């Protein structure tokens, strides 16, 4: 699974880099879609289907909106040769990436090995959760009783995204 995740993350990084350098805006939007749908596959491989569902809905809606905007505008981005300020920005960005990668390595060295878990926080949920929630399914009990506000927030994001898309499509349909 680690190999598959590494390959998908590499493709996501390549898609993001291509999106930054694509001269055709529609190609850049499609490359952004590759990054988003790659994240969906990563969520599924990591056994997080609830995050995958939210990501695929939001990614699809975002992709539809971005394609509609690109098709209504000019598809070609004007090329401007970078000057000294542009090169300074590129070098600063690379230094920032190196710095963030360094902090990422430091922070991940303190984590458990991949696949090995500790029950620091989840032990309270697992022991006696069925009695406290009254649910036969532990996952349902945790999602709706212990994480009720989080679930409400996810549902709110989904409903807001759908309403936004319907509003945009309705405005476009009236023209």
N, C-alpha and C. Protein backbone atom coordinates (compact mmCIF):
# COMPACT_ATOMS: atom_id res chain seq x y z
N UNK A 1 0.82 -1.19 0.00
CA UNK A 1 0.00 0.00 0.00
C UNK A 1 0.87 1.26 0.00
N UNK A 2 2.00 1.20 0.69
CA UNK A 2 2.88 2.36 0.71
C UNK A 2 3.42 2.68 -0.68
N UNK A 3 3.66 1.66 -1.47
CA UNK A 3 4.14 1.88 -2.84
C UNK A 3 3.07 2.56 -3.67
N UNK A 4 1.84 2.09 -3.55
CA UNK A 4 0.74 2.69 -4.30
C UNK A 4 0.53 4.15 -3.88
N UNK A 5 0.59 4.42 -2.58
CA UNK A 5 0.45 5.79 -2.11
C UNK A 5 1.59 6.67 -2.63
N UNK A 6 2.80 6.14 -2.63
CA UNK A 6 3.94 6.91 -3.13
C UNK A 6 3.76 7.25 -4.61
N UNK A 7 3.30 6.29 -5.40
CA UNK A 7 3.10 6.52 -6.83
C UNK A 7 2.00 7.57 -7.05
N UNK A 8 0.90 7.45 -6.31
CA UNK A 8 -0.21 8.39 -6.47
C UNK A 8 0.20 9.79 -6.04
N UNK A 9 0.92 9.89 -4.93
CA UNK A 9 1.37 11.20 -4.46
C UNK A 9 2.36 11.81 -5.45
N UNK A 10 3.21 10.99 -6.04
CA UNK A 10 4.13 11.50 -7.06
C UNK A 10 3.36 12.03 -8.27
N UNK A 11 2.33 11.30 -8.70
CA UNK A 11 1.50 11.78 -9.81
C UNK A 11 0.77 13.07 -9.44
N UNK A 12 0.33 13.17 -8.19
CA UNK A 12 -0.33 14.39 -7.74
C UNK A 12 0.63 15.58 -7.77
N UNK A 13 1.86 15.36 -7.35
CA UNK A 13 2.86 16.44 -7.37
C UNK A 13 3.16 16.85 -8.81
N UNK A 14 3.30 15.86 -9.69
CA UNK A 14 3.54 16.17 -11.11
C UNK A 14 2.36 16.92 -11.71
N UNK A 15 1.13 16.53 -11.34
CA UNK A 15 -0.05 17.24 -11.82
C UNK A 15 -0.09 18.68 -11.34
N UNK A 16 0.31 18.90 -10.08
CA UNK A 16 0.33 20.26 -9.55
C UNK A 16 1.39 21.11 -10.25
N UNK A 17 2.54 20.51 -10.49
CA UNK A 17 3.61 21.25 -11.20
C UNK A 17 3.17 21.57 -12.63
N UNK A 18 2.53 20.61 -13.30
CA UNK A 18 2.05 20.87 -14.66
C UNK A 18 0.99 21.97 -14.65
N UNK A 19 0.12 21.95 -13.63
CA UNK A 19 -0.92 22.98 -13.56
C UNK A 19 -0.32 24.37 -13.41
N UNK A 20 0.81 24.46 -12.73
CA UNK A 20 1.46 25.77 -12.58
C UNK A 20 2.08 26.26 -13.88
N UNK A 21 2.54 25.34 -14.71
CA UNK A 21 3.29 25.73 -15.91
C UNK A 21 2.49 25.57 -17.21
N UNK A 22 1.27 25.12 -17.15
CA UNK A 22 0.48 24.91 -18.37
C UNK A 22 0.11 26.26 -18.98
N UNK A 23 0.26 26.35 -20.28
CA UNK A 23 -0.12 27.59 -20.96
C UNK A 23 -1.61 27.60 -21.29
N UNK A 24 -2.19 26.44 -21.49
CA UNK A 24 -3.62 26.32 -21.75
C UNK A 24 -4.33 26.17 -20.42
N UNK A 25 -5.26 27.08 -20.11
CA UNK A 25 -5.92 27.07 -18.81
C UNK A 25 -6.78 25.83 -18.60
N UNK A 26 -7.37 25.31 -19.66
CA UNK A 26 -8.18 24.10 -19.52
C UNK A 26 -7.30 22.92 -19.12
N UNK A 27 -6.10 22.84 -19.66
CA UNK A 27 -5.16 21.80 -19.26
C UNK A 27 -4.77 21.95 -17.80
N UNK A 28 -4.61 23.19 -17.34
CA UNK A 28 -4.27 23.44 -15.94
C UNK A 28 -5.42 23.00 -15.03
N UNK A 29 -6.64 23.25 -15.45
CA UNK A 29 -7.80 22.83 -14.65
C UNK A 29 -7.87 21.30 -14.57
N UNK A 30 -7.62 20.64 -15.68
CA UNK A 30 -7.63 19.17 -15.69
C UNK A 30 -6.52 18.63 -14.80
N UNK A 31 -5.36 19.27 -14.82
CA UNK A 31 -4.26 18.85 -13.95
C UNK A 31 -4.63 19.03 -12.47
N UNK A 32 -5.35 20.11 -12.16
CA UNK A 32 -5.84 20.29 -10.78
C UNK A 32 -6.82 19.18 -10.42
N UNK A 33 -7.63 18.76 -11.38
CA UNK A 33 -8.55 17.65 -11.14
C UNK A 33 -7.81 16.35 -10.85
N UNK A 34 -6.68 16.15 -11.53
CA UNK A 34 -5.85 14.96 -11.26
C UNK A 34 -5.38 14.97 -9.83
N UNK A 35 -4.99 16.14 -9.34
CA UNK A 35 -4.53 16.24 -7.95
C UNK A 35 -5.68 15.91 -6.99
N UNK A 36 -6.85 16.47 -7.25
CA UNK A 36 -7.99 16.23 -6.36
C UNK A 36 -8.46 14.79 -6.36
N UNK A 37 -8.56 14.19 -7.54
CA UNK A 37 -9.00 12.80 -7.60
C UNK A 37 -7.92 11.84 -7.11
N UNK A 38 -6.66 12.24 -7.21
CA UNK A 38 -5.59 11.45 -6.60
C UNK A 38 -5.73 11.43 -5.09
N UNK A 39 -6.16 12.56 -4.52
CA UNK A 39 -6.41 12.61 -3.08
C UNK A 39 -7.56 11.70 -2.69
N UNK A 40 -8.56 11.59 -3.54
CA UNK A 40 -9.67 10.67 -3.28
C UNK A 40 -9.15 9.23 -3.20
N UNK A 41 -8.27 8.86 -4.14
CA UNK A 41 -7.72 7.50 -4.13
C UNK A 41 -6.87 7.28 -2.89
N UNK A 42 -6.11 8.30 -2.49
CA UNK A 42 -5.31 8.17 -1.26
C UNK A 42 -6.21 7.96 -0.05
N UNK A 43 -7.30 8.71 0.03
CA UNK A 43 -8.23 8.53 1.15
C UNK A 43 -8.81 7.12 1.16
N UNK A 44 -9.14 6.60 -0.01
CA UNK A 44 -9.68 5.25 -0.07
C UNK A 44 -8.65 4.21 0.32
N UNK A 45 -7.41 4.39 -0.11
CA UNK A 45 -6.36 3.44 0.28
C UNK A 45 -6.08 3.49 1.78
N UNK A 46 -6.27 4.65 2.39
CA UNK A 46 -6.03 4.80 3.82
C UNK A 46 -7.27 4.48 4.64
N UNK A 47 -8.28 3.88 4.00
CA UNK A 47 -9.50 3.44 4.66
C UNK A 47 -10.28 4.60 5.30
N UNK A 48 -10.42 5.69 4.57
CA UNK A 48 -11.19 6.84 5.03
C UNK A 48 -12.25 7.17 3.99
N UNK A 49 -13.29 6.31 3.84
CA UNK A 49 -14.27 6.55 2.79
C UNK A 49 -15.11 7.80 3.02
N UNK A 50 -15.30 8.22 4.28
CA UNK A 50 -16.09 9.43 4.51
C UNK A 50 -15.37 10.66 3.95
N UNK A 51 -14.07 10.73 4.13
CA UNK A 51 -13.30 11.83 3.54
C UNK A 51 -13.27 11.74 2.02
N UNK A 52 -13.19 10.52 1.51
CA UNK A 52 -13.16 10.33 0.05
C UNK A 52 -14.47 10.81 -0.58
N UNK A 53 -15.59 10.52 0.07
CA UNK A 53 -16.89 10.95 -0.47
C UNK A 53 -16.97 12.47 -0.50
N UNK A 54 -16.58 13.12 0.59
CA UNK A 54 -16.62 14.58 0.63
C UNK A 54 -15.68 15.16 -0.42
N UNK A 55 -14.48 14.60 -0.53
CA UNK A 55 -13.50 15.11 -1.50
C UNK A 55 -13.99 14.94 -2.93
N UNK A 56 -14.59 13.80 -3.24
CA UNK A 56 -15.02 13.58 -4.63
C UNK A 56 -16.18 14.50 -5.00
N UNK A 57 -17.07 14.77 -4.06
CA UNK A 57 -18.19 15.67 -4.35
C UNK A 57 -17.68 17.09 -4.54
N UNK A 58 -16.87 17.56 -3.60
CA UNK A 58 -16.35 18.93 -3.70
C UNK A 58 -15.44 19.08 -4.92
N UNK A 59 -14.62 18.07 -5.20
CA UNK A 59 -13.72 18.13 -6.36
C UNK A 59 -14.50 18.17 -7.67
N UNK A 60 -15.54 17.37 -7.77
CA UNK A 60 -16.35 17.36 -8.99
C UNK A 60 -17.04 18.70 -9.20
N UNK A 61 -17.62 19.23 -8.14
CA UNK A 61 -18.31 20.52 -8.25
C UNK A 61 -17.32 21.62 -8.60
N UNK A 62 -16.16 21.62 -7.95
CA UNK A 62 -15.14 22.63 -8.24
C UNK A 62 -14.65 22.51 -9.68
N UNK A 63 -14.45 21.30 -10.13
CA UNK A 63 -13.98 21.08 -11.50
C UNK A 63 -15.01 21.58 -12.52
N UNK A 64 -16.28 21.32 -12.26
CA UNK A 64 -17.33 21.80 -13.17
C UNK A 64 -17.33 23.32 -13.23
N UNK A 65 -17.21 23.96 -12.08
CA UNK A 65 -17.20 25.43 -12.05
C UNK A 65 -15.98 25.98 -12.77
N UNK A 66 -14.82 25.39 -12.51
CA UNK A 66 -13.60 25.90 -13.14
C UNK A 66 -13.62 25.70 -14.65
N UNK A 67 -14.13 24.57 -15.13
CA UNK A 67 -14.23 24.35 -16.58
C UNK A 67 -15.20 25.35 -17.20
N UNK A 68 -16.32 25.61 -16.52
CA UNK A 68 -17.28 26.59 -17.04
C UNK A 68 -16.66 27.97 -17.13
N UNK A 69 -15.87 28.35 -16.13
CA UNK A 69 -15.23 29.66 -16.14
C UNK A 69 -14.19 29.74 -17.26
N UNK A 70 -13.40 28.69 -17.42
CA UNK A 70 -12.37 28.70 -18.47
C UNK A 70 -13.00 28.73 -19.85
N UNK A 71 -14.08 28.01 -20.05
CA UNK A 71 -14.73 28.01 -21.37
C UNK A 71 -15.37 29.35 -21.69
N UNK A 72 -15.76 30.12 -20.65
CA UNK A 72 -16.32 31.45 -20.88
C UNK A 72 -15.25 32.51 -21.08
N UNK A 73 -14.03 32.22 -20.71
CA UNK A 73 -12.95 33.21 -20.84
C UNK A 73 -11.99 32.77 -21.94
N UNK A 74 -10.90 33.50 -22.07
CA UNK A 74 -9.90 33.08 -23.05
C UNK A 74 -9.11 31.93 -22.45
N UNK A 75 -8.83 30.95 -23.27
CA UNK A 75 -8.16 29.74 -22.77
C UNK A 75 -6.67 29.90 -22.65
N UNK A 76 -6.09 30.85 -23.35
CA UNK A 76 -4.64 31.01 -23.34
C UNK A 76 -4.24 32.07 -22.32
N UNK A 77 -3.26 31.74 -21.51
CA UNK A 77 -2.72 32.71 -20.57
C UNK A 77 -1.57 33.42 -21.27
N UNK A 78 -1.52 34.75 -21.22
CA UNK A 78 -0.42 35.44 -21.90
C UNK A 78 0.90 35.12 -21.22
N UNK A 79 1.92 34.85 -22.04
CA UNK A 79 3.23 34.50 -21.50
C UNK A 79 4.01 35.78 -21.24
N UNK A 80 4.53 35.88 -20.03
CA UNK A 80 5.37 37.01 -19.65
C UNK A 80 6.71 36.44 -19.21
N UNK A 81 7.78 36.90 -19.83
CA UNK A 81 9.11 36.42 -19.46
C UNK A 81 9.45 36.94 -18.06
N UNK A 82 9.88 36.02 -17.15
CA UNK A 82 10.16 36.47 -15.79
C UNK A 82 11.37 37.40 -15.73
N UNK A 83 11.24 38.41 -14.89
CA UNK A 83 12.35 39.33 -14.67
C UNK A 83 13.05 38.97 -13.36
N UNK A 84 13.88 39.85 -12.85
CA UNK A 84 14.64 39.57 -11.63
C UNK A 84 13.70 39.28 -10.45
N UNK A 85 12.62 40.03 -10.38
CA UNK A 85 11.65 39.81 -9.30
C UNK A 85 11.02 38.43 -9.40
N UNK A 86 10.77 37.96 -10.61
CA UNK A 86 10.21 36.63 -10.80
C UNK A 86 11.18 35.54 -10.36
N UNK A 87 12.46 35.71 -10.68
CA UNK A 87 13.46 34.73 -10.26
C UNK A 87 13.63 34.72 -8.75
N UNK A 88 13.54 35.88 -8.13
CA UNK A 88 13.62 35.94 -6.66
C UNK A 88 12.43 35.21 -6.05
N UNK A 89 11.25 35.35 -6.64
CA UNK A 89 10.07 34.65 -6.15
C UNK A 89 10.22 33.14 -6.30
N UNK A 90 10.80 32.70 -7.42
CA UNK A 90 11.00 31.26 -7.64
C UNK A 90 11.98 30.69 -6.62
N UNK A 91 13.09 31.39 -6.41
CA UNK A 91 14.09 30.93 -5.43
C UNK A 91 13.51 30.95 -4.02
N UNK A 92 12.74 31.97 -3.69
CA UNK A 92 12.10 32.03 -2.37
C UNK A 92 11.12 30.88 -2.19
N UNK A 93 10.37 30.58 -3.23
CA UNK A 93 9.44 29.45 -3.16
C UNK A 93 10.15 28.13 -2.96
N UNK A 94 11.26 27.93 -3.68
CA UNK A 94 12.03 26.70 -3.50
C UNK A 94 12.61 26.60 -2.09
N UNK A 95 13.11 27.71 -1.56
CA UNK A 95 13.62 27.70 -0.19
C UNK A 95 12.53 27.40 0.82
N UNK A 96 11.34 27.95 0.58
CA UNK A 96 10.21 27.67 1.46
C UNK A 96 9.82 26.20 1.41
N UNK A 97 9.83 25.61 0.22
CA UNK A 97 9.52 24.19 0.09
C UNK A 97 10.55 23.34 0.83
N UNK A 98 11.83 23.68 0.70
CA UNK A 98 12.88 22.94 1.40
C UNK A 98 12.71 23.07 2.92
N UNK A 99 12.39 24.28 3.38
CA UNK A 99 12.18 24.50 4.81
C UNK A 99 10.98 23.72 5.32
N UNK A 100 9.88 23.73 4.57
CA UNK A 100 8.69 22.97 4.97
C UNK A 100 8.96 21.47 4.96
N UNK A 101 9.71 20.99 3.97
CA UNK A 101 10.06 19.58 3.92
C UNK A 101 10.92 19.20 5.12
N UNK A 102 11.83 20.08 5.52
CA UNK A 102 12.66 19.82 6.70
C UNK A 102 11.79 19.68 7.96
N UNK A 103 10.85 20.61 8.15
CA UNK A 103 9.97 20.52 9.31
C UNK A 103 9.04 19.30 9.23
N UNK A 104 8.67 18.93 8.01
CA UNK A 104 7.85 17.73 7.82
C UNK A 104 8.63 16.50 8.28
N UNK A 105 9.90 16.42 7.90
CA UNK A 105 10.73 15.27 8.31
C UNK A 105 10.89 15.23 9.83
N UNK A 106 11.09 16.37 10.45
CA UNK A 106 11.23 16.42 11.90
C UNK A 106 9.94 15.97 12.58
N UNK A 107 8.80 16.46 12.09
CA UNK A 107 7.53 16.13 12.74
C UNK A 107 7.13 14.68 12.51
N UNK A 108 7.43 14.11 11.36
CA UNK A 108 7.04 12.72 11.11
C UNK A 108 7.97 11.72 11.79
N UNK A 109 9.15 12.15 12.18
CA UNK A 109 10.04 11.21 12.87
C UNK A 109 9.51 10.84 14.25
N UNK A 110 8.65 11.66 14.83
CA UNK A 110 8.08 11.37 16.14
C UNK A 110 6.83 10.50 16.06
N UNK A 111 6.33 10.24 14.87
CA UNK A 111 5.11 9.44 14.72
C UNK A 111 5.40 7.95 14.83
N UNK A 112 4.35 7.17 15.08
CA UNK A 112 4.48 5.72 15.07
C UNK A 112 4.76 5.23 13.66
N UNK A 113 5.26 4.01 13.54
CA UNK A 113 5.46 3.41 12.23
C UNK A 113 4.12 3.29 11.53
N UNK A 114 4.16 3.33 10.19
CA UNK A 114 2.93 3.27 9.41
C UNK A 114 2.23 1.93 9.64
N UNK A 115 0.97 1.98 10.01
CA UNK A 115 0.19 0.77 10.25
C UNK A 115 0.13 0.38 11.72
N UNK A 116 1.03 0.89 12.54
CA UNK A 116 1.00 0.59 13.97
C UNK A 116 0.34 1.75 14.69
N UNK A 117 -0.63 1.47 15.51
CA UNK A 117 -1.37 2.54 16.16
C UNK A 117 -1.25 2.43 17.67
N UNK A 118 -1.46 3.54 18.32
CA UNK A 118 -1.59 3.56 19.76
C UNK A 118 -3.00 4.00 20.09
N UNK A 119 -3.50 3.56 21.22
CA UNK A 119 -4.89 3.85 21.57
C UNK A 119 -4.98 4.99 22.59
N UNK A 120 -4.15 6.01 22.43
CA UNK A 120 -4.19 7.12 23.38
C UNK A 120 -5.58 7.74 23.46
N UNK A 121 -6.07 8.24 22.37
CA UNK A 121 -7.35 8.96 22.35
C UNK A 121 -8.53 8.04 22.06
N UNK A 122 -8.33 7.06 21.23
CA UNK A 122 -9.47 6.25 20.79
C UNK A 122 -9.90 5.21 21.82
N UNK A 123 -9.08 4.97 22.83
CA UNK A 123 -9.44 3.96 23.83
C UNK A 123 -10.73 4.33 24.55
N UNK A 124 -10.93 5.61 24.82
CA UNK A 124 -12.16 6.04 25.50
C UNK A 124 -13.38 5.83 24.62
N UNK A 125 -13.21 5.95 23.31
CA UNK A 125 -14.33 5.73 22.40
C UNK A 125 -14.66 4.24 22.27
N UNK A 126 -13.63 3.42 22.23
CA UNK A 126 -13.84 1.99 21.98
C UNK A 126 -14.45 1.29 23.18
N UNK A 127 -13.96 1.58 24.36
CA UNK A 127 -14.45 0.90 25.57
C UNK A 127 -15.78 1.50 26.01
N UNK A 128 -16.82 0.74 25.91
CA UNK A 128 -18.14 1.15 26.39
C UNK A 128 -18.87 2.12 25.51
N UNK A 129 -18.42 2.31 24.29
CA UNK A 129 -19.10 3.27 23.40
C UNK A 129 -20.48 2.79 23.02
N UNK A 130 -20.64 1.49 22.85
CA UNK A 130 -21.96 0.97 22.48
C UNK A 130 -22.97 1.22 23.60
N UNK A 131 -22.54 1.10 24.86
CA UNK A 131 -23.45 1.37 25.97
C UNK A 131 -23.79 2.84 26.10
N UNK A 132 -22.80 3.70 25.89
CA UNK A 132 -23.03 5.15 26.04
C UNK A 132 -23.85 5.73 24.90
N UNK A 133 -23.68 5.21 23.69
CA UNK A 133 -24.40 5.79 22.55
C UNK A 133 -25.70 5.07 22.25
N UNK A 134 -25.82 3.83 22.67
CA UNK A 134 -27.02 3.06 22.37
C UNK A 134 -27.05 2.55 20.94
N UNK A 135 -25.94 2.64 20.24
CA UNK A 135 -25.87 2.22 18.85
C UNK A 135 -25.22 0.84 18.77
N UNK A 136 -25.74 0.02 17.88
CA UNK A 136 -25.16 -1.31 17.69
C UNK A 136 -23.88 -1.22 16.87
N UNK A 137 -23.76 -0.19 16.06
CA UNK A 137 -22.59 0.00 15.21
C UNK A 137 -21.68 1.05 15.86
N UNK A 138 -20.46 0.66 16.18
CA UNK A 138 -19.53 1.57 16.86
C UNK A 138 -19.20 2.79 16.01
N UNK A 139 -19.00 2.59 14.71
CA UNK A 139 -18.66 3.71 13.83
C UNK A 139 -19.79 4.72 13.79
N UNK A 140 -21.02 4.25 13.65
CA UNK A 140 -22.17 5.15 13.62
C UNK A 140 -22.30 5.90 14.94
N UNK A 141 -22.11 5.19 16.05
CA UNK A 141 -22.18 5.84 17.35
C UNK A 141 -21.14 6.94 17.51
N UNK A 142 -19.91 6.68 17.06
CA UNK A 142 -18.86 7.69 17.18
C UNK A 142 -19.14 8.88 16.26
N UNK A 143 -19.54 8.58 15.02
CA UNK A 143 -19.76 9.67 14.06
C UNK A 143 -20.92 10.56 14.47
N UNK A 144 -22.02 9.98 14.93
CA UNK A 144 -23.20 10.79 15.21
C UNK A 144 -23.29 11.27 16.65
N UNK A 145 -22.66 10.59 17.61
CA UNK A 145 -22.75 11.05 18.99
C UNK A 145 -21.50 11.81 19.42
N UNK A 146 -20.34 11.22 19.26
CA UNK A 146 -19.12 11.87 19.72
C UNK A 146 -18.64 12.95 18.75
N UNK A 147 -18.83 12.73 17.46
CA UNK A 147 -18.36 13.68 16.45
C UNK A 147 -19.54 14.32 15.73
N UNK A 148 -20.60 14.59 16.43
CA UNK A 148 -21.81 15.14 15.82
C UNK A 148 -21.60 16.48 15.16
N UNK A 149 -20.86 17.37 15.81
CA UNK A 149 -20.62 18.69 15.22
C UNK A 149 -19.75 18.60 13.97
N UNK A 150 -18.79 17.70 13.98
CA UNK A 150 -17.94 17.51 12.81
C UNK A 150 -18.77 16.99 11.63
N UNK A 151 -19.63 16.02 11.90
CA UNK A 151 -20.50 15.48 10.86
C UNK A 151 -21.47 16.56 10.35
N UNK A 152 -21.98 17.37 11.25
CA UNK A 152 -22.85 18.47 10.84
C UNK A 152 -22.09 19.46 9.96
N UNK A 153 -20.84 19.72 10.29
CA UNK A 153 -20.02 20.62 9.47
C UNK A 153 -19.78 20.06 8.08
N UNK A 154 -19.49 18.74 8.00
CA UNK A 154 -19.28 18.11 6.68
C UNK A 154 -20.55 18.19 5.84
N UNK A 155 -21.69 17.92 6.45
CA UNK A 155 -22.95 17.99 5.72
C UNK A 155 -23.23 19.42 5.27
N UNK A 156 -22.89 20.40 6.10
CA UNK A 156 -23.09 21.80 5.73
C UNK A 156 -22.22 22.19 4.54
N UNK A 157 -20.98 21.73 4.52
CA UNK A 157 -20.09 22.01 3.38
C UNK A 157 -20.67 21.41 2.10
N UNK A 158 -21.15 20.18 2.17
CA UNK A 158 -21.71 19.54 0.98
C UNK A 158 -22.95 20.27 0.48
N UNK A 159 -23.85 20.62 1.39
CA UNK A 159 -25.09 21.31 0.98
C UNK A 159 -24.76 22.68 0.40
N UNK A 160 -23.80 23.39 1.02
CA UNK A 160 -23.41 24.71 0.51
C UNK A 160 -22.81 24.60 -0.88
N UNK A 161 -21.98 23.59 -1.11
CA UNK A 161 -21.38 23.41 -2.44
C UNK A 161 -22.45 23.11 -3.48
N UNK A 162 -23.40 22.27 -3.15
CA UNK A 162 -24.47 21.93 -4.10
C UNK A 162 -25.33 23.15 -4.38
N UNK A 163 -25.68 23.93 -3.37
CA UNK A 163 -26.49 25.14 -3.57
C UNK A 163 -25.72 26.14 -4.44
N UNK A 164 -24.41 26.27 -4.21
CA UNK A 164 -23.60 27.17 -5.03
C UNK A 164 -23.61 26.77 -6.49
N UNK A 165 -23.45 25.49 -6.77
CA UNK A 165 -23.45 25.02 -8.15
C UNK A 165 -24.82 25.23 -8.79
N UNK A 166 -25.87 24.91 -8.06
CA UNK A 166 -27.21 25.11 -8.61
C UNK A 166 -27.49 26.59 -8.89
N UNK A 167 -27.00 27.45 -8.01
CA UNK A 167 -27.17 28.90 -8.24
C UNK A 167 -26.44 29.35 -9.48
N UNK A 168 -25.19 28.89 -9.64
CA UNK A 168 -24.41 29.29 -10.81
C UNK A 168 -25.04 28.75 -12.09
N UNK A 169 -25.48 27.50 -12.08
CA UNK A 169 -26.11 26.93 -13.26
C UNK A 169 -27.42 27.63 -13.58
N UNK A 170 -28.16 28.03 -12.57
CA UNK A 170 -29.44 28.71 -12.81
C UNK A 170 -29.19 30.11 -13.41
N UNK A 171 -28.18 30.82 -12.89
CA UNK A 171 -27.86 32.13 -13.45
C UNK A 171 -27.42 31.99 -14.89
N UNK A 172 -26.59 30.99 -15.17
CA UNK A 172 -26.11 30.77 -16.54
C UNK A 172 -27.27 30.40 -17.46
N UNK A 173 -28.23 29.62 -16.95
CA UNK A 173 -29.37 29.20 -17.75
C UNK A 173 -30.30 30.33 -18.13
N UNK A 174 -30.36 31.37 -17.28
CA UNK A 174 -31.27 32.50 -17.56
C UNK A 174 -30.74 33.41 -18.64
N UNK A 175 -29.43 33.38 -18.91
CA UNK A 175 -28.85 34.32 -19.90
C UNK A 175 -29.19 33.95 -21.29
